[in-house]
Each structure stands twice: as structure tokens, then as C-alpha cells.
Amino acid sequence: MGQTRPNVVIVTTPTRLQGLLQQWGTRGAARFVLQQAIAHRAHVEGTLDAVTRAEADFAQYETEDVRYARTLERLRNDLETTYPVTMLPRQHLVNYDFSNARVVIVVGPDGLVANTAKYVGGLPVIGVNPDPTRNDGILLPFHSEQVRHAVDDVLRDLAQFRSVTMAEATLSDGQRLLAFNDFFVGRRTHVSARYNLRWRGSSEPQSSSGVIVATGAGSTGWLSSVFNMMRGVSRWTGGKAGKPRTMQWQDRQLAWVVREPFASRHSAATLVAGLVDEGEELVVESLMPEHGVVFSDGIEEDFLAFNSGTTVRIGVARQRAHLVVPHA
């Protein structure tokens, strides 16, 4: 019997045009809706080029869609002659069995790489930028013409990798979730959340807009907005602004902050920020009868229910993301 050829999985996401067509059915209807939206905005802003701007916007949608389709076509043509290729739409990530895969290719945007890395175990991930004019490409270092060579390198153990620390949240009932960038612990719609927070031997009841726990990769994202607010408030009150906490992607620690903690007779605000080193845990016990959630990387639809009686423990995950990088 011959050896089974390694399976390559290509993770895709709908383009903005595909989203419009799914909602409105035809290109004409989608273009009309855009025209009306931009015409309304132009009327409010007092500008006169509404139709031109609408056409330009829709042309960008079409261009983006064409570039994405061409990228997928190039990848399939380059890979299918040698490897079995599975095209995996983003919405099927959660339930897909990656046990037969050897390498995962993610066709951007950047956020799709972060979301994919949580579900692929230790598999190598190759991020592909289908449109460098629109995507920052921080997690998308490859262009389509480079991918075949990158896959060959991975399967010959010649590839170079960037290791990324992830966070893990585990509920008291055993459910678990990984985060590439960050976790949010709180209530849906980010309204006031009630919980007990425990960290390094201290604990207190809190009421806040929720807790953010960030990895090194996520330290320049949602977490940075908290530091921006901190610096602005410090300047306004005449205090000295602190420096933002940044970490390297491979650092085996997490940073956590409490958003807008409220002090009252029933809640405190002394434990508001800190680091979770490898082997430590941040523990949060829900005091919310309903609508409590834990979600990662901004994907609110993929959440763990976090209602009264539930405890979540968040720490550095054993699993790391392995992002393939181009050779220097």
C-alpha cells in the first residue's frame, strides 16, 4: 500500500460582496442599497458626489471579490496536482476534524488566522494575503504564488515558524475555549457584570463592564484601548500617564484588566489589572443570573455561557499557534 498523501486544508471567508449578494440577491440590488446608504450620508454631510462615491465603493467590493477568487484559484491549481485539498468555509471551523490534515492555509483577513489557530491544534498555519491593498497582513506574510513552496517546506521539515502563546479558559463544568488575542468575561452587550475575582491569593466582588485577558499577540489590540483611556484620563486629571503593557507573541504570560470597575457597598475596585504567568490562573466566579458570557478574539457568537454558579479559570494555554513565516 502506498503512503497517504498529506491533506491540505484551505480556510476561506465570504467576501463583502458575497455577503451583500446573500442579503440582497443580485448585484443590481446590492449596488442600489449602497447608493441609497451613501446618498443619505452625503445629504447629511452636505456633499454632492453620492452616486460617484457609491459606484466607487461597489467597484471596490467587486475588485476585492475578484482578487479573493483568483487567490483561491491559484492555490487550488498549485496544490491539487500533488496534495488532497479541502476548502473549509469559516463557519465550519468549530466542528471540523483536523486529524487528517498536515498543514492549514488561511486566506485572510488577519482576524481569520487568529480565529483558525484556536481549532487546528499544533498544525502549521500559513497565512495568505489575498489583497495587500486592504489587509494589514500582520498574520498574512505570504502571497498566493509563494504558498506551494511554503507547503513543501512544511512537509519536508524545512519551514520556519513563529510561535504564538494562546490563552485558555476552562469552566467549572469542563468546557474550554482558547484565545489567540484576548478573552472577554462579562455580560452580553457589555453592560454591567457582577462577579467575584480571585488572583494571587486575593479576591473581591466586582461590578464592571467586564474583564479583558490578553495574550502577547493581543496586547496591541483591545488591551491597548484601555491604556489609551488611562493615559487620557491621567492627562486630564494632571497625573502622570503610565506606559502601556506590551508583550512579545511568544511570552508565556497574559495581561488582564477590569473595564470601568465600579466601587459600591457591594463591589470593590482594588484588583483591576495584573499579569498571569505560566502556571498561574485568574479565577472569576459569575454572580449573573443570565446573559453572562466568555468569548475570545471578538467572536461573540462563539461563547461559553457564564451565569451564576459558574467559575472560569484563565491561564496560559499549553497549545501554541505555529505560524509559518517566509525564509529570511
Protein backbone atom coordinates (compact mmCIF):
# COMPACT_ATOMS: atom_id res chain seq x y z
CA MET A 1 0.00 0.00 0.00
CA GLY A 2 1.24 3.50 -0.83
CA GLN A 3 1.55 6.26 1.67
CA THR A 4 -1.44 8.52 2.14
CA ARG A 5 -0.79 11.94 0.68
CA PRO A 6 -0.84 14.73 3.28
CA ASN A 7 -4.08 16.67 3.32
CA VAL A 8 -4.02 20.45 2.95
CA VAL A 9 -6.93 22.48 4.37
CA ILE A 10 -7.66 25.94 2.96
CA VAL A 11 -9.80 28.10 5.26
CA THR A 12 -11.90 30.73 3.48
CA THR A 13 -14.28 33.52 4.40
CA PRO A 14 -17.04 35.24 2.40
CA THR A 15 -16.04 38.50 0.76
CA ARG A 16 -18.03 41.65 1.44
CA LEU A 17 -19.67 41.30 -2.00
CA GLN A 18 -20.72 37.73 -1.24
CA GLY A 19 -22.25 38.97 1.98
CA LEU A 20 -24.21 41.64 0.11
CA LEU A 21 -25.40 39.16 -2.52
CA GLN A 22 -26.53 36.74 0.16
CA GLN A 23 -28.58 39.52 1.72
CA TRP A 24 -29.94 41.26 -1.40
CA GLY A 25 -29.83 38.58 -4.09
CA THR A 26 -28.46 40.45 -7.11
CA ARG A 27 -25.64 42.86 -7.87
CA GLY A 28 -28.12 45.46 -9.00
CA ALA A 29 -29.99 45.34 -5.72
CA ALA A 30 -26.75 45.40 -3.73
CA ARG A 31 -25.48 48.41 -5.69
CA PHE A 32 -28.79 50.22 -5.19
CA VAL A 33 -28.67 49.67 -1.42
CA LEU A 34 -25.13 51.06 -1.29
CA GLN A 35 -26.13 54.06 -3.39
CA GLN A 36 -29.02 54.83 -1.07
CA ALA A 37 -26.86 54.50 2.03
CA ILE A 38 -24.12 56.76 0.69
CA ALA A 39 -26.66 59.23 -0.72
CA HIS A 40 -28.16 59.57 2.73
CA ARG A 41 -24.73 60.09 4.27
CA ALA A 42 -23.84 62.62 1.57
CA HIS A 43 -27.07 64.51 2.24
CA VAL A 44 -26.29 64.66 5.96
CA GLU A 45 -22.68 65.73 5.28
CA GLY A 46 -23.65 68.24 2.60
CA THR A 47 -21.63 66.66 -0.23
CA LEU A 48 -22.84 66.23 -3.81
CA ASP A 49 -20.94 63.19 -5.15
CA ALA A 50 -23.13 60.48 -3.66
CA VAL A 51 -23.61 58.37 -6.80
CA THR A 52 -19.94 58.55 -7.72
CA ARG A 53 -18.93 57.53 -4.23
CA ALA A 54 -21.45 54.69 -4.22
CA GLU A 55 -20.22 53.37 -7.56
CA ALA A 56 -16.63 53.61 -6.36
CA ASP A 57 -17.48 51.73 -3.18
CA PHE A 58 -19.25 48.97 -5.09
CA ALA A 59 -16.36 48.73 -7.53
CA GLN A 60 -14.09 48.13 -4.56
CA TYR A 61 -16.36 45.34 -3.40
CA GLU A 62 -16.19 43.75 -6.85
CA THR A 63 -12.42 44.14 -7.09
CA GLU A 64 -11.94 42.61 -3.68
CA ASP A 65 -14.16 39.66 -4.64
CA VAL A 66 -12.24 39.06 -7.87
CA ARG A 67 -8.89 39.14 -6.09
CA TYR A 68 -10.09 36.69 -3.47
CA ALA A 69 -11.44 34.29 -6.10
CA ARG A 70 -8.19 34.48 -8.09
CA THR A 71 -6.18 33.74 -4.96
CA LEU A 72 -8.24 30.63 -4.24
CA GLU A 73 -7.97 29.51 -7.88
CA ARG A 74 -4.19 29.93 -7.82
CA LEU A 75 -3.88 27.94 -4.62
CA ARG A 76 -6.01 25.07 -5.91
CA ASN A 77 -4.17 24.93 -9.22
CA ASP A 78 -0.77 24.90 -7.50
CA LEU A 79 -1.64 22.35 -4.81
CA GLU A 80 -4.23 19.90 -6.12
CA THR A 81 -1.82 18.22 -8.53
CA THR A 82 0.18 16.95 -5.53
CA TYR A 83 -1.94 17.16 -2.40
CA PRO A 84 -5.58 16.49 -1.49
CA VAL A 85 -7.11 19.90 -0.83
CA THR A 86 -10.12 20.62 1.39
CA MET A 87 -11.83 24.00 1.10
CA LEU A 88 -13.18 24.87 4.54
CA PRO A 89 -15.56 27.84 4.95
CA ARG A 90 -15.01 29.83 8.14
CA GLN A 91 -18.38 28.91 9.63
CA HIS A 92 -17.39 25.22 9.74
CA LEU A 93 -14.17 25.72 11.71
CA VAL A 94 -15.69 24.83 15.09
CA ASN A 95 -16.89 21.38 14.02
CA TYR A 96 -14.21 20.35 11.52
CA ASP A 97 -11.96 17.36 12.30
CA PHE A 98 -8.36 18.37 11.53
CA SER A 99 -6.90 14.96 12.46
CA ASN A 100 -6.15 14.09 8.81
CA ALA A 101 -4.66 17.47 7.93
CA ARG A 102 -0.93 18.23 7.79
CA VAL A 103 -0.99 21.94 7.07
CA VAL A 104 -3.64 24.68 7.19
CA ILE A 105 -3.72 27.62 4.78
CA VAL A 106 -5.77 30.64 5.79
CA VAL A 107 -6.77 33.12 3.09
CA GLY A 108 -7.08 36.41 5.03
CA PRO A 109 -8.04 38.82 6.54
CA ASP A 110 -5.76 38.75 9.59
CA GLY A 111 -8.59 38.02 12.01
CA LEU A 112 -9.33 34.75 10.25
CA VAL A 113 -5.83 33.49 11.12
CA ALA A 114 -6.40 34.28 14.80
CA ASN A 115 -9.76 32.51 14.78
CA THR A 116 -8.44 29.47 12.88
CA ALA A 117 -5.40 28.94 15.11
CA LYS A 118 -7.66 28.07 18.06
CA TYR A 119 -9.10 25.00 16.33
CA VAL A 120 -6.18 23.38 14.49
CA GLY A 121 -4.17 22.01 17.42
CA GLY A 122 -0.45 22.15 16.68
CA LEU A 123 -0.79 22.18 12.90
CA PRO A 124 1.32 24.69 10.93
CA VAL A 125 -0.69 27.69 9.70
CA ILE A 126 0.19 29.55 6.51
CA GLY A 127 -1.46 32.97 6.29
CA VAL A 128 -2.13 34.26 2.77
CA ASN A 129 -2.88 37.89 1.93
CA PRO A 130 -5.38 37.99 -0.96
CA ASP A 131 -5.44 41.79 -1.14
CA PRO A 132 -2.45 43.72 0.27
CA THR A 133 -4.22 47.00 -0.56
CA ARG A 134 -6.88 46.24 2.09
CA ASN A 135 -5.32 43.85 4.63
CA ASP A 136 -2.62 44.88 7.06
CA GLY A 137 -1.16 41.41 6.65
CA ILE A 138 0.49 41.13 10.07
CA LEU A 139 -0.64 37.48 10.18
CA LEU A 140 -0.62 37.09 6.38
CA PRO A 141 3.04 37.07 5.29
CA PHE A 142 2.55 35.01 2.11
CA HIS A 143 1.25 35.83 -1.36
CA SER A 144 -0.51 33.11 -3.34
CA GLU A 145 2.47 32.39 -5.60
CA GLN A 146 4.62 31.59 -2.55
CA VAL A 147 2.28 29.09 -0.94
CA ARG A 148 3.18 25.91 -2.85
CA HIS A 149 6.82 26.33 -1.86
CA ALA A 150 5.81 27.05 1.75
CA VAL A 151 3.69 23.88 1.92
CA ASP A 152 6.57 21.82 0.50
CA ASP A 153 8.89 23.28 3.14
CA VAL A 154 6.47 22.41 5.93
CA LEU A 155 6.13 18.80 4.80
CA ARG A 156 9.90 18.44 4.42
CA ASP A 157 10.55 19.94 7.89
CA LEU A 158 12.32 22.91 6.31
CA ALA A 159 9.85 25.63 7.27
CA GLN A 160 10.45 28.46 9.71
CA PHE A 161 7.81 29.22 12.34
CA ARG A 162 6.70 31.95 14.69
CA SER A 163 5.37 30.51 17.93
CA VAL A 164 2.40 32.35 19.46
CA THR A 165 1.23 31.91 23.05
CA MET A 166 -2.50 31.45 23.46
CA ALA A 167 -4.77 31.74 26.49
CA GLU A 168 -7.14 29.06 27.75
CA ALA A 169 -10.39 29.47 29.65
CA THR A 170 -11.81 26.46 31.48
CA LEU A 171 -15.27 26.42 33.08
CA SER A 172 -16.16 24.51 36.22
CA ASP A 173 -18.15 22.04 34.08
CA GLY A 174 -15.10 21.24 31.92
CA GLN A 175 -15.91 23.34 28.87
CA ARG A 176 -12.87 25.11 27.45
CA LEU A 177 -12.06 27.82 24.94
CA LEU A 178 -8.81 29.15 23.51
CA ALA A 179 -7.91 32.73 22.64
CA PHE A 180 -5.29 33.91 20.16
CA ASN A 181 -5.64 37.59 21.10
CA ASP A 182 -7.88 38.00 24.13
CA PHE A 183 -10.80 36.86 26.24
CA PHE A 184 -13.77 38.92 27.36
CA VAL A 185 -15.51 37.86 30.57
CA GLY A 186 -18.72 39.72 31.38
CA ARG A 187 -22.28 40.20 30.11
CA ARG A 188 -23.60 40.28 26.59
CA THR A 189 -23.82 43.79 25.13
CA HIS A 190 -21.07 44.69 27.64
CA VAL A 191 -23.49 46.05 30.25
CA SER A 192 -22.60 45.91 33.95
CA ALA A 193 -21.36 42.48 35.03
CA ARG A 194 -21.31 41.09 38.59
CA TYR A 195 -18.74 38.51 39.67
CA ASN A 196 -16.07 37.57 42.21
CA LEU A 197 -12.48 37.91 41.01
CA ARG A 198 -9.58 35.94 42.53
CA TRP A 199 -5.90 36.49 41.76
CA ARG A 200 -2.71 35.57 43.64
CA GLY A 201 -4.42 34.92 46.95
CA SER A 202 -6.65 37.99 46.90
CA SER A 203 -10.34 38.19 46.00
CA GLU A 204 -13.15 40.71 45.83
CA PRO A 205 -16.69 41.12 44.47
CA GLN A 206 -16.80 43.43 41.47
CA SER A 207 -19.21 45.24 39.20
CA SER A 208 -17.72 46.36 35.90
CA SER A 209 -18.02 46.37 32.13
CA GLY A 210 -16.16 43.07 32.09
CA VAL A 211 -12.64 41.69 32.27
CA ILE A 212 -10.20 41.53 29.34
CA VAL A 213 -7.39 38.97 29.38
CA ALA A 214 -4.85 39.45 26.57
CA THR A 215 -2.01 37.41 25.10
CA GLY A 216 1.16 38.93 23.73
CA ALA A 217 -0.35 38.89 20.24
CA GLY A 218 -3.42 40.69 21.59
CA SER A 219 -1.60 43.22 23.73
CA THR A 220 -1.67 45.78 20.91
CA GLY A 221 -5.40 45.26 20.32
CA TRP A 222 -8.31 45.61 22.74
CA LEU A 223 -5.95 45.90 25.70
CA SER A 224 -4.25 48.92 24.13
CA SER A 225 -7.56 50.81 24.10
CA VAL A 226 -7.68 50.55 27.89
CA PHE A 227 -4.22 52.08 28.12
CA ASN A 228 -5.27 54.85 25.73
CA MET A 229 -8.17 55.67 28.08
CA MET A 230 -5.85 55.51 31.09
CA ARG A 231 -3.39 57.96 29.56
CA GLY A 232 -6.13 60.36 28.54
CA VAL A 233 -7.75 60.37 31.99
CA SER A 234 -4.35 60.80 33.65
CA ARG A 235 -3.56 63.84 31.50
CA TRP A 236 -7.00 65.31 32.17
CA THR A 237 -6.59 64.98 35.94
CA GLY A 238 -3.00 66.22 35.95
CA GLY A 239 -1.45 62.87 36.80
CA LYS A 240 1.42 61.05 35.15
CA ALA A 241 0.33 58.60 32.47
CA GLY A 242 1.71 55.09 32.82
CA LYS A 243 3.29 53.14 30.00
CA PRO A 244 1.23 50.58 28.05
CA ARG A 245 1.89 46.94 28.85
CA THR A 246 3.13 45.19 25.75
CA MET A 247 4.38 41.63 25.40
CA GLN A 248 6.03 39.54 22.74
CA TRP A 249 3.90 37.00 20.90
CA GLN A 250 5.85 34.10 22.40
CA ASP A 251 5.82 35.37 26.00
CA ARG A 252 4.33 32.80 28.36
CA GLN A 253 2.17 35.25 30.27
CA LEU A 254 -1.12 37.09 29.95
CA ALA A 255 -2.22 40.60 30.93
CA TRP A 256 -5.65 41.27 32.42
CA VAL A 257 -7.59 44.46 33.13
CA VAL A 258 -11.03 45.25 34.55
CA ARG A 259 -13.04 47.63 32.40
CA GLU A 260 -14.73 50.51 34.24
CA PRO A 261 -14.81 48.94 37.73
CA PHE A 262 -17.49 50.42 39.98
CA ALA A 263 -16.94 50.71 43.74
CA SER A 264 -20.00 50.49 45.99
CA ARG A 265 -21.17 48.86 49.22
CA HIS A 266 -21.41 45.59 47.29
CA SER A 267 -18.42 45.86 44.95
CA ALA A 268 -14.75 46.83 45.17
CA ALA A 269 -12.19 48.13 42.70
CA THR A 270 -8.73 47.32 44.04
CA LEU A 271 -7.91 44.31 41.84
CA VAL A 272 -8.05 45.98 38.44
CA ALA A 273 -5.01 44.78 36.46
CA GLY A 274 -2.13 42.34 36.54
CA LEU A 275 -0.13 39.62 34.85
CA VAL A 276 -0.84 35.90 34.78
CA ASP A 277 2.41 33.98 34.45
CA GLU A 278 2.58 30.43 33.14
CA GLY A 279 1.20 28.08 35.78
CA GLU A 280 -0.97 30.80 37.37
CA GLU A 281 -4.70 31.37 36.93
CA LEU A 282 -7.09 34.29 37.02
CA VAL A 283 -10.32 32.97 38.55
CA VAL A 284 -13.69 34.63 38.02
CA GLU A 285 -16.95 33.38 39.58
CA SER A 286 -20.17 34.59 37.97
CA LEU A 287 -22.84 36.35 40.02
CA MET A 288 -25.06 36.96 36.99
CA PRO A 289 -28.35 35.05 36.70
CA GLU A 290 -28.39 35.42 32.91
CA HIS A 291 -26.50 36.72 29.86
CA GLY A 292 -23.03 36.08 31.29
CA VAL A 293 -20.50 35.11 28.61
CA VAL A 294 -16.89 34.25 27.98
CA PHE A 295 -15.78 34.74 24.37
CA SER A 296 -12.46 35.07 22.60
CA ASP A 297 -11.00 37.24 19.85
CA GLY A 298 -14.13 39.33 19.41
CA ILE A 299 -16.24 36.38 18.19
CA GLU A 300 -19.33 36.93 20.32
CA GLU A 301 -21.31 34.18 18.58
CA ASP A 302 -18.83 31.51 19.77
CA PHE A 303 -19.14 31.84 23.54
CA LEU A 304 -19.29 29.92 26.78
CA ALA A 305 -22.30 30.65 29.00
CA PHE A 306 -21.12 32.24 32.25
CA ASN A 307 -24.06 32.51 34.63
CA SER A 308 -24.45 32.22 38.42
CA GLY A 309 -22.71 29.19 39.87
CA THR A 310 -20.13 29.04 37.06
CA THR A 311 -16.42 29.63 37.59
CA VAL A 312 -13.88 30.28 34.82
CA ARG A 313 -10.14 29.78 35.21
CA ILE A 314 -7.94 31.57 32.69
CA GLY A 315 -4.26 30.85 32.18
CA VAL A 316 -1.55 30.34 29.60
CA ALA A 317 -2.54 27.52 27.23
CA ARG A 318 -0.28 24.55 26.61
CA GLN A 319 -1.25 24.73 22.95
CA ARG A 320 0.66 27.27 20.91
CA ALA A 321 -0.10 28.58 17.44
CA HIS A 322 2.59 27.78 14.89
CA LEU A 323 2.59 30.38 12.13
CA VAL A 324 4.75 29.65 9.11
CA VAL A 325 6.95 32.61 8.13
CA PRO A 326 8.91 33.24 4.91
CA HIS A 327 12.60 32.44 4.93
CA ALA A 328 14.74 35.49 5.56
